[in-house]
Amino acid sequence: MTKKLFLSTVMLGAVICLFNSCSVSLISATIPPELKTINIQYFENTAPLVINTLSQDFTEALKNRIRTQTNLSIVRGGEADAMMSGAITGYSYAPISVQATNNNTAPIAGASRLTITVSVKFTYKKLSFDESFTKSKDFTGDISSQEQQLIQDINKQLTDDIFNKAFNNW
């Protein structure tokens, strides 16, 4: 009995050590070794509805995504190996469901959707694209109290899509 307990303990310890020494990476970017620098230009807001901080917020979110998920250096000017540029071309919110009201009062929005579209041009010798990316987030109530959080959430979705298109298609 003691020998079985000892062997069980040793096996359990070995399994724990094995799993502790393993690492799993969720970053699946496949960047060629010769790609070391990228120039990410400021994404100007050309949408019909302009939010003052959207350009800065989006550009910084994209830079942060690349900075934290790759070993690329973000540089200014034409000396970069790759370049990413573009503009925010759409910003809108619209009702997606209608809530009935009493008597002769007009119906109101039960839920709404905020949509942001970004046009991105990525240039690198082995892969280039010029594409629009659109993401939305649904919300209820007044947008003013939720707008910044909605923008953050959509920026994350957009930067994920742009990052995957640029760095996971090799």
N, C-alpha and C. Protein backbone atom coordinates (compact mmCIF):
# COMPACT_ATOMS: atom_id res chain seq x y z
N MET A 1 0.83 -1.20 0.00
CA MET A 1 0.00 0.00 0.00
C MET A 1 0.87 1.25 0.00
N THR A 2 1.90 1.27 0.79
CA THR A 2 2.78 2.42 0.89
C THR A 2 3.51 2.65 -0.43
N LYS A 3 3.91 1.54 -1.08
CA LYS A 3 4.60 1.64 -2.35
C LYS A 3 3.68 2.24 -3.43
N LYS A 4 2.40 1.85 -3.45
CA LYS A 4 1.44 2.39 -4.41
C LYS A 4 1.20 3.88 -4.15
N LEU A 5 1.10 4.26 -2.88
CA LEU A 5 0.90 5.67 -2.52
C LEU A 5 2.11 6.49 -2.95
N PHE A 6 3.29 5.95 -2.72
CA PHE A 6 4.52 6.64 -3.11
C PHE A 6 4.59 6.82 -4.62
N LEU A 7 4.30 5.76 -5.37
CA LEU A 7 4.32 5.84 -6.83
C LEU A 7 3.26 6.82 -7.36
N SER A 8 2.10 6.80 -6.74
CA SER A 8 1.03 7.73 -7.15
C SER A 8 1.47 9.17 -6.90
N THR A 9 2.10 9.42 -5.78
CA THR A 9 2.56 10.77 -5.45
C THR A 9 3.64 11.23 -6.43
N VAL A 10 4.57 10.34 -6.75
CA VAL A 10 5.63 10.66 -7.70
C VAL A 10 5.04 10.94 -9.08
N MET A 11 4.09 10.14 -9.52
CA MET A 11 3.45 10.34 -10.83
C MET A 11 2.70 11.68 -10.87
N LEU A 12 1.97 11.98 -9.79
CA LEU A 12 1.24 13.24 -9.72
C LEU A 12 2.22 14.40 -9.78
N GLY A 13 3.31 14.30 -9.05
CA GLY A 13 4.33 15.35 -9.06
C GLY A 13 4.93 15.53 -10.45
N ALA A 14 5.18 14.43 -11.14
CA ALA A 14 5.74 14.49 -12.48
C ALA A 14 4.76 15.17 -13.44
N VAL A 15 3.49 14.83 -13.33
CA VAL A 15 2.47 15.45 -14.19
C VAL A 15 2.38 16.95 -13.91
N ILE A 16 2.40 17.32 -12.65
CA ILE A 16 2.33 18.75 -12.29
C ILE A 16 3.54 19.48 -12.84
N CYS A 17 4.73 18.90 -12.68
CA CYS A 17 5.95 19.53 -13.21
C CYS A 17 5.88 19.65 -14.72
N LEU A 18 5.36 18.63 -15.39
CA LEU A 18 5.24 18.66 -16.83
C LEU A 18 4.36 19.81 -17.29
N PHE A 19 3.19 19.96 -16.66
CA PHE A 19 2.28 21.02 -17.06
C PHE A 19 2.78 22.39 -16.66
N ASN A 20 3.52 22.51 -15.59
CA ASN A 20 4.07 23.79 -15.20
C ASN A 20 5.18 24.24 -16.14
N SER A 21 5.87 23.31 -16.77
CA SER A 21 6.95 23.69 -17.66
C SER A 21 6.46 23.98 -19.07
N CYS A 22 5.25 23.61 -19.39
CA CYS A 22 4.70 23.87 -20.72
C CYS A 22 4.19 25.29 -20.78
N SER A 23 4.27 25.89 -21.95
CA SER A 23 3.68 27.20 -22.12
C SER A 23 2.83 27.18 -23.38
N VAL A 24 1.76 27.92 -23.33
CA VAL A 24 0.86 28.01 -24.47
C VAL A 24 0.82 29.45 -24.90
N SER A 25 1.01 29.69 -26.16
CA SER A 25 0.96 31.04 -26.68
C SER A 25 -0.30 31.20 -27.51
N LEU A 26 -1.06 32.24 -27.22
CA LEU A 26 -2.27 32.52 -27.98
C LEU A 26 -2.00 33.51 -29.11
N ILE A 27 -0.78 34.01 -29.16
CA ILE A 27 -0.41 34.93 -30.21
C ILE A 27 -0.02 34.11 -31.43
N SER A 28 -0.74 34.28 -32.50
CA SER A 28 -0.48 33.45 -33.67
C SER A 28 0.06 34.28 -34.84
N ALA A 29 0.60 35.44 -34.53
CA ALA A 29 1.15 36.26 -35.59
C ALA A 29 2.37 35.58 -36.20
N THR A 30 2.39 35.53 -37.51
CA THR A 30 3.52 34.94 -38.21
C THR A 30 4.15 36.05 -39.04
N ILE A 31 5.15 36.66 -38.48
CA ILE A 31 5.80 37.80 -39.11
C ILE A 31 7.16 37.35 -39.65
N PRO A 32 7.44 37.64 -40.91
CA PRO A 32 8.74 37.25 -41.46
C PRO A 32 9.89 37.93 -40.70
N PRO A 33 11.01 37.26 -40.55
CA PRO A 33 12.12 37.82 -39.77
C PRO A 33 12.66 39.13 -40.33
N GLU A 34 12.53 39.36 -41.63
CA GLU A 34 13.06 40.60 -42.20
C GLU A 34 12.15 41.81 -41.94
N LEU A 35 10.93 41.58 -41.48
CA LEU A 35 10.01 42.67 -41.13
C LEU A 35 10.27 43.07 -39.69
N LYS A 36 10.92 44.22 -39.51
CA LYS A 36 11.32 44.65 -38.18
C LYS A 36 10.68 45.97 -37.74
N THR A 37 10.29 46.80 -38.71
CA THR A 37 9.73 48.11 -38.38
C THR A 37 8.45 48.36 -39.15
N ILE A 38 7.58 49.17 -38.56
CA ILE A 38 6.32 49.54 -39.20
C ILE A 38 6.03 51.00 -38.88
N ASN A 39 5.50 51.71 -39.86
CA ASN A 39 5.07 53.08 -39.69
C ASN A 39 3.55 53.07 -39.67
N ILE A 40 2.96 53.45 -38.55
CA ILE A 40 1.50 53.52 -38.44
C ILE A 40 1.12 54.99 -38.44
N GLN A 41 0.51 55.41 -39.52
CA GLN A 41 0.14 56.82 -39.65
C GLN A 41 -1.15 57.11 -38.90
N TYR A 42 -1.38 58.37 -38.63
CA TYR A 42 -2.56 58.84 -37.92
C TYR A 42 -3.80 58.60 -38.77
N PHE A 43 -4.82 57.96 -38.19
CA PHE A 43 -6.07 57.67 -38.89
C PHE A 43 -7.03 58.83 -38.68
N GLU A 44 -7.14 59.66 -39.72
CA GLU A 44 -8.00 60.84 -39.64
C GLU A 44 -9.46 60.43 -39.71
N ASN A 45 -10.31 61.16 -39.00
CA ASN A 45 -11.74 60.88 -38.99
C ASN A 45 -12.40 61.69 -40.10
N THR A 46 -12.80 61.00 -41.17
CA THR A 46 -13.47 61.66 -42.29
C THR A 46 -14.95 61.27 -42.34
N ALA A 47 -15.44 60.63 -41.29
CA ALA A 47 -16.85 60.22 -41.24
C ALA A 47 -17.75 61.45 -41.18
N PRO A 48 -18.98 61.34 -41.66
CA PRO A 48 -19.90 62.48 -41.59
C PRO A 48 -20.17 62.93 -40.14
N LEU A 49 -20.19 62.01 -39.21
CA LEU A 49 -20.36 62.33 -37.80
C LEU A 49 -19.00 62.18 -37.13
N VAL A 50 -18.43 63.29 -36.65
CA VAL A 50 -17.08 63.29 -36.10
C VAL A 50 -17.12 63.33 -34.58
N ILE A 51 -16.40 62.39 -33.97
CA ILE A 51 -16.20 62.37 -32.52
C ILE A 51 -14.77 62.83 -32.29
N ASN A 52 -14.58 63.84 -31.46
CA ASN A 52 -13.28 64.50 -31.30
C ASN A 52 -12.13 63.56 -31.01
N THR A 53 -12.31 62.60 -30.14
CA THR A 53 -11.19 61.76 -29.70
C THR A 53 -11.06 60.45 -30.48
N LEU A 54 -11.93 60.19 -31.41
CA LEU A 54 -11.95 58.89 -32.10
C LEU A 54 -10.67 58.60 -32.88
N SER A 55 -10.16 59.57 -33.62
CA SER A 55 -8.94 59.35 -34.40
C SER A 55 -7.78 58.97 -33.50
N GLN A 56 -7.57 59.75 -32.46
CA GLN A 56 -6.47 59.48 -31.53
C GLN A 56 -6.66 58.14 -30.83
N ASP A 57 -7.88 57.87 -30.36
CA ASP A 57 -8.16 56.61 -29.66
C ASP A 57 -7.91 55.40 -30.56
N PHE A 58 -8.39 55.46 -31.80
CA PHE A 58 -8.21 54.33 -32.70
C PHE A 58 -6.74 54.13 -33.07
N THR A 59 -6.06 55.20 -33.43
CA THR A 59 -4.65 55.10 -33.82
C THR A 59 -3.82 54.52 -32.68
N GLU A 60 -4.05 54.98 -31.47
CA GLU A 60 -3.30 54.48 -30.31
C GLU A 60 -3.66 53.02 -30.01
N ALA A 61 -4.92 52.65 -30.18
CA ALA A 61 -5.32 51.25 -29.96
C ALA A 61 -4.62 50.32 -30.95
N LEU A 62 -4.51 50.75 -32.20
CA LEU A 62 -3.84 49.95 -33.22
C LEU A 62 -2.34 49.84 -32.92
N LYS A 63 -1.72 50.95 -32.57
CA LYS A 63 -0.29 50.93 -32.21
C LYS A 63 -0.06 50.03 -31.00
N ASN A 64 -0.92 50.15 -30.01
CA ASN A 64 -0.77 49.35 -28.80
C ASN A 64 -0.91 47.86 -29.10
N ARG A 65 -1.84 47.50 -29.97
CA ARG A 65 -2.02 46.10 -30.35
C ARG A 65 -0.75 45.55 -31.00
N ILE A 66 -0.18 46.30 -31.91
CA ILE A 66 1.03 45.86 -32.59
C ILE A 66 2.22 45.86 -31.63
N ARG A 67 2.30 46.86 -30.78
CA ARG A 67 3.39 46.96 -29.81
C ARG A 67 3.40 45.79 -28.83
N THR A 68 2.21 45.38 -28.38
CA THR A 68 2.12 44.33 -27.35
C THR A 68 2.08 42.92 -27.92
N GLN A 69 1.73 42.76 -29.21
CA GLN A 69 1.57 41.42 -29.77
C GLN A 69 2.67 41.03 -30.76
N THR A 70 3.59 41.95 -31.03
CA THR A 70 4.69 41.65 -31.95
C THR A 70 5.99 42.22 -31.40
N ASN A 71 7.08 41.91 -32.09
CA ASN A 71 8.38 42.49 -31.76
C ASN A 71 8.72 43.64 -32.71
N LEU A 72 7.75 44.10 -33.48
CA LEU A 72 7.99 45.18 -34.43
C LEU A 72 8.22 46.49 -33.70
N SER A 73 9.11 47.29 -34.25
CA SER A 73 9.34 48.65 -33.75
C SER A 73 8.47 49.59 -34.56
N ILE A 74 7.75 50.47 -33.89
CA ILE A 74 6.93 51.46 -34.56
C ILE A 74 7.78 52.69 -34.77
N VAL A 75 7.94 53.08 -36.05
CA VAL A 75 8.80 54.20 -36.40
C VAL A 75 8.00 55.20 -37.24
N ARG A 76 8.57 56.39 -37.37
CA ARG A 76 7.97 57.42 -38.23
C ARG A 76 8.79 57.56 -39.49
N GLY A 77 8.16 57.98 -40.54
CA GLY A 77 8.90 58.25 -41.77
C GLY A 77 8.94 57.07 -42.71
N GLY A 78 9.62 57.28 -43.84
CA GLY A 78 9.66 56.30 -44.91
C GLY A 78 10.67 55.19 -44.73
N GLU A 79 11.38 55.15 -43.63
CA GLU A 79 12.41 54.13 -43.42
C GLU A 79 11.84 52.81 -42.90
N ALA A 80 10.54 52.72 -42.69
CA ALA A 80 9.93 51.51 -42.14
C ALA A 80 9.85 50.41 -43.19
N ASP A 81 9.90 49.16 -42.72
CA ASP A 81 9.74 48.02 -43.61
C ASP A 81 8.30 47.90 -44.13
N ALA A 82 7.35 48.28 -43.30
CA ALA A 82 5.93 48.21 -43.67
C ALA A 82 5.25 49.52 -43.26
N MET A 83 4.11 49.79 -43.89
CA MET A 83 3.36 50.99 -43.55
C MET A 83 1.87 50.67 -43.45
N MET A 84 1.23 51.30 -42.47
CA MET A 84 -0.20 51.17 -42.31
C MET A 84 -0.78 52.58 -42.22
N SER A 85 -1.77 52.84 -43.05
CA SER A 85 -2.41 54.16 -43.06
C SER A 85 -3.89 53.97 -43.33
N GLY A 86 -4.64 55.06 -43.22
CA GLY A 86 -6.06 54.97 -43.50
C GLY A 86 -6.85 56.08 -42.86
N ALA A 87 -8.14 55.84 -42.76
CA ALA A 87 -9.05 56.85 -42.21
C ALA A 87 -10.26 56.18 -41.61
N ILE A 88 -10.86 56.87 -40.67
CA ILE A 88 -12.15 56.44 -40.12
C ILE A 88 -13.20 57.02 -41.05
N THR A 89 -13.88 56.16 -41.77
CA THR A 89 -14.79 56.62 -42.81
C THR A 89 -16.27 56.55 -42.42
N GLY A 90 -16.57 55.87 -41.33
CA GLY A 90 -17.95 55.76 -40.90
C GLY A 90 -18.09 55.72 -39.40
N TYR A 91 -19.04 56.48 -38.90
CA TYR A 91 -19.39 56.48 -37.49
C TYR A 91 -20.88 56.79 -37.43
N SER A 92 -21.67 55.81 -37.00
CA SER A 92 -23.11 56.05 -36.96
C SER A 92 -23.75 55.19 -35.89
N TYR A 93 -24.88 55.65 -35.43
CA TYR A 93 -25.69 54.82 -34.56
C TYR A 93 -27.14 54.94 -35.01
N ALA A 94 -27.83 53.80 -34.91
CA ALA A 94 -29.19 53.73 -35.40
C ALA A 94 -29.99 52.74 -34.56
N PRO A 95 -31.31 52.94 -34.48
CA PRO A 95 -32.13 51.99 -33.74
C PRO A 95 -32.18 50.63 -34.44
N ILE A 96 -32.17 49.56 -33.63
CA ILE A 96 -32.30 48.22 -34.21
C ILE A 96 -33.56 47.51 -33.74
N SER A 97 -34.19 48.07 -32.72
CA SER A 97 -35.50 47.55 -32.31
C SER A 97 -36.32 48.72 -31.80
N VAL A 98 -37.63 48.60 -31.96
CA VAL A 98 -38.53 49.68 -31.58
C VAL A 98 -39.37 49.24 -30.40
N GLN A 99 -39.52 50.15 -29.47
CA GLN A 99 -40.31 49.89 -28.27
C GLN A 99 -41.60 50.70 -28.36
N ALA A 100 -42.71 50.03 -28.19
CA ALA A 100 -44.00 50.70 -28.28
C ALA A 100 -44.21 51.61 -27.06
N THR A 101 -44.96 52.68 -27.29
CA THR A 101 -45.32 53.60 -26.21
C THR A 101 -46.84 53.67 -26.12
N ASN A 102 -47.35 54.36 -25.13
CA ASN A 102 -48.80 54.43 -24.96
C ASN A 102 -49.42 55.57 -25.76
N ASN A 103 -50.63 55.35 -26.12
CA ASN A 103 -51.50 56.31 -26.81
C ASN A 103 -50.88 56.89 -28.07
N ASN A 104 -50.83 58.20 -28.16
CA ASN A 104 -50.40 58.87 -29.39
C ASN A 104 -48.93 59.28 -29.38
N THR A 105 -48.13 58.69 -28.52
CA THR A 105 -46.71 59.02 -28.47
C THR A 105 -45.96 58.15 -29.47
N ALA A 106 -45.00 58.75 -30.14
CA ALA A 106 -44.22 58.01 -31.14
C ALA A 106 -43.40 56.91 -30.47
N PRO A 107 -43.21 55.79 -31.16
CA PRO A 107 -42.38 54.72 -30.59
C PRO A 107 -40.94 55.18 -30.40
N ILE A 108 -40.24 54.55 -29.48
CA ILE A 108 -38.84 54.89 -29.22
C ILE A 108 -37.96 53.66 -29.46
N ALA A 109 -36.67 53.90 -29.57
CA ALA A 109 -35.73 52.81 -29.80
C ALA A 109 -35.58 51.97 -28.54
N GLY A 110 -35.79 50.67 -28.67
CA GLY A 110 -35.57 49.77 -27.55
C GLY A 110 -34.10 49.41 -27.43
N ALA A 111 -33.42 49.34 -28.55
CA ALA A 111 -31.98 49.08 -28.60
C ALA A 111 -31.43 49.78 -29.83
N SER A 112 -30.15 50.13 -29.76
CA SER A 112 -29.50 50.82 -30.87
C SER A 112 -28.16 50.15 -31.15
N ARG A 113 -27.58 50.49 -32.28
CA ARG A 113 -26.30 49.91 -32.68
C ARG A 113 -25.35 51.03 -33.09
N LEU A 114 -24.15 51.02 -32.50
CA LEU A 114 -23.09 51.94 -32.91
C LEU A 114 -22.18 51.18 -33.88
N THR A 115 -21.91 51.80 -35.02
CA THR A 115 -21.09 51.17 -36.06
C THR A 115 -19.94 52.10 -36.44
N ILE A 116 -18.74 51.53 -36.52
CA ILE A 116 -17.56 52.29 -36.94
C ILE A 116 -16.92 51.55 -38.11
N THR A 117 -16.56 52.30 -39.14
CA THR A 117 -15.88 51.74 -40.31
C THR A 117 -14.53 52.44 -40.47
N VAL A 118 -13.50 51.62 -40.70
CA VAL A 118 -12.15 52.13 -40.89
C VAL A 118 -11.60 51.59 -42.21
N SER A 119 -11.06 52.48 -43.01
CA SER A 119 -10.40 52.08 -44.25
C SER A 119 -8.90 51.99 -43.94
N VAL A 120 -8.30 50.85 -44.28
CA VAL A 120 -6.89 50.60 -43.94
C VAL A 120 -6.12 50.20 -45.19
N LYS A 121 -4.95 50.81 -45.34
CA LYS A 121 -4.03 50.42 -46.40
C LYS A 121 -2.75 49.93 -45.71
N PHE A 122 -2.42 48.67 -45.96
CA PHE A 122 -1.22 48.05 -45.40
C PHE A 122 -0.29 47.73 -46.55
N THR A 123 0.95 48.17 -46.45
CA THR A 123 1.91 47.95 -47.53
C THR A 123 3.16 47.29 -46.98
N TYR A 124 3.46 46.13 -47.53
CA TYR A 124 4.70 45.41 -47.26
C TYR A 124 5.01 44.61 -48.51
N LYS A 125 6.26 44.37 -48.77
CA LYS A 125 6.62 43.76 -50.05
C LYS A 125 5.98 42.41 -50.31
N LYS A 126 5.71 41.62 -49.27
CA LYS A 126 5.13 40.29 -49.48
C LYS A 126 3.61 40.27 -49.35
N LEU A 127 3.05 41.27 -48.71
CA LEU A 127 1.60 41.31 -48.53
C LEU A 127 1.14 42.75 -48.45
N SER A 128 0.17 43.10 -49.23
CA SER A 128 -0.42 44.43 -49.17
C SER A 128 -1.92 44.28 -49.32
N PHE A 129 -2.64 45.20 -48.69
CA PHE A 129 -4.09 45.22 -48.86
C PHE A 129 -4.60 46.63 -48.65
N ASP A 130 -5.74 46.91 -49.23
CA ASP A 130 -6.46 48.17 -49.07
C ASP A 130 -7.91 47.75 -48.85
N GLU A 131 -8.36 47.82 -47.62
CA GLU A 131 -9.65 47.22 -47.27
C GLU A 131 -10.36 48.03 -46.19
N SER A 132 -11.67 47.94 -46.17
CA SER A 132 -12.47 48.56 -45.11
C SER A 132 -12.87 47.51 -44.09
N PHE A 133 -12.87 47.89 -42.83
CA PHE A 133 -13.27 47.03 -41.73
C PHE A 133 -14.40 47.73 -40.99
N THR A 134 -15.46 46.99 -40.70
CA THR A 134 -16.62 47.55 -40.01
C THR A 134 -16.97 46.67 -38.83
N LYS A 135 -17.21 47.30 -37.69
CA LYS A 135 -17.65 46.59 -36.48
C LYS A 135 -18.75 47.40 -35.81
N SER A 136 -19.62 46.68 -35.10
CA SER A 136 -20.76 47.30 -34.43
C SER A 136 -20.88 46.78 -33.01
N LYS A 137 -21.58 47.54 -32.20
CA LYS A 137 -21.90 47.10 -30.84
C LYS A 137 -23.29 47.63 -30.51
N ASP A 138 -24.11 46.75 -29.99
CA ASP A 138 -25.48 47.12 -29.62
C ASP A 138 -25.50 47.69 -28.20
N PHE A 139 -26.45 48.60 -27.96
CA PHE A 139 -26.60 49.19 -26.63
C PHE A 139 -28.05 49.60 -26.43
N THR A 140 -28.40 49.80 -25.18
CA THR A 140 -29.74 50.31 -24.84
C THR A 140 -29.58 51.61 -24.08
N GLY A 141 -30.57 52.45 -24.16
CA GLY A 141 -30.53 53.72 -23.44
C GLY A 141 -29.83 54.81 -24.25
N ASP A 142 -29.45 55.85 -23.54
CA ASP A 142 -28.81 57.02 -24.14
C ASP A 142 -27.35 56.73 -24.46
N ILE A 143 -26.92 57.11 -25.64
CA ILE A 143 -25.54 56.82 -26.05
C ILE A 143 -24.50 57.63 -25.28
N SER A 144 -24.84 58.84 -24.87
CA SER A 144 -23.84 59.74 -24.28
C SER A 144 -23.14 59.15 -23.05
N SER A 145 -23.85 58.40 -22.24
CA SER A 145 -23.23 57.83 -21.04
C SER A 145 -22.42 56.57 -21.35
N GLN A 146 -22.57 55.99 -22.53
CA GLN A 146 -21.92 54.74 -22.89
C GLN A 146 -20.93 54.86 -24.04
N GLU A 147 -20.92 56.01 -24.68
CA GLU A 147 -20.20 56.16 -25.94
C GLU A 147 -18.71 55.80 -25.84
N GLN A 148 -18.01 56.29 -24.85
CA GLN A 148 -16.57 56.01 -24.74
C GLN A 148 -16.30 54.52 -24.57
N GLN A 149 -17.09 53.82 -23.77
CA GLN A 149 -16.90 52.38 -23.60
C GLN A 149 -17.24 51.63 -24.88
N LEU A 150 -18.29 52.05 -25.56
CA LEU A 150 -18.65 51.43 -26.83
C LEU A 150 -17.52 51.60 -27.86
N ILE A 151 -16.95 52.80 -27.91
CA ILE A 151 -15.84 53.07 -28.83
C ILE A 151 -14.65 52.18 -28.50
N GLN A 152 -14.32 52.04 -27.23
CA GLN A 152 -13.21 51.17 -26.82
C GLN A 152 -13.45 49.73 -27.27
N ASP A 153 -14.66 49.24 -27.04
CA ASP A 153 -15.00 47.87 -27.42
C ASP A 153 -14.90 47.66 -28.93
N ILE A 154 -15.42 48.60 -29.69
CA ILE A 154 -15.38 48.48 -31.15
C ILE A 154 -13.94 48.63 -31.65
N ASN A 155 -13.17 49.55 -31.07
CA ASN A 155 -11.77 49.70 -31.46
C ASN A 155 -11.01 48.40 -31.25
N LYS A 156 -11.29 47.69 -30.17
CA LYS A 156 -10.62 46.41 -29.92
C LYS A 156 -10.98 45.41 -31.02
N GLN A 157 -12.26 45.34 -31.38
CA GLN A 157 -12.69 44.43 -32.44
C GLN A 157 -12.03 44.79 -33.78
N LEU A 158 -12.00 46.09 -34.08
CA LEU A 158 -11.40 46.54 -35.34
C LEU A 158 -9.90 46.24 -35.38
N THR A 159 -9.19 46.55 -34.30
CA THR A 159 -7.75 46.31 -34.29
C THR A 159 -7.44 44.82 -34.35
N ASP A 160 -8.29 44.00 -33.75
CA ASP A 160 -8.12 42.54 -33.87
C ASP A 160 -8.21 42.11 -35.34
N ASP A 161 -9.23 42.58 -36.04
CA ASP A 161 -9.42 42.22 -37.44
C ASP A 161 -8.27 42.72 -38.32
N ILE A 162 -7.85 43.95 -38.10
CA ILE A 162 -6.76 44.53 -38.90
C ILE A 162 -5.46 43.79 -38.62
N PHE A 163 -5.18 43.52 -37.36
CA PHE A 163 -3.98 42.78 -36.96
C PHE A 163 -3.96 41.40 -37.61
N ASN A 164 -5.07 40.69 -37.54
CA ASN A 164 -5.15 39.36 -38.14
C ASN A 164 -4.97 39.40 -39.65
N LYS A 165 -5.54 40.38 -40.30
CA LYS A 165 -5.40 40.50 -41.75
C LYS A 165 -3.94 40.79 -42.13
N ALA A 166 -3.28 41.65 -41.35
CA ALA A 166 -1.90 42.04 -41.68
C ALA A 166 -0.87 40.99 -41.30
N PHE A 167 -1.08 40.31 -40.18
CA PHE A 167 0.00 39.49 -39.64
C PHE A 167 -0.32 37.99 -39.54
N ASN A 168 -1.47 37.56 -39.92
CA ASN A 168 -1.79 36.13 -39.83
C ASN A 168 -2.11 35.51 -41.19
N ASN A 169 -1.75 36.17 -42.24
CA ASN A 169 -2.05 35.67 -43.59
C ASN A 169 -0.80 35.32 -44.38
N TRP A 170 0.27 34.99 -43.74
CA TRP A 170 1.52 34.72 -44.45
C TRP A 170 1.53 33.34 -45.03
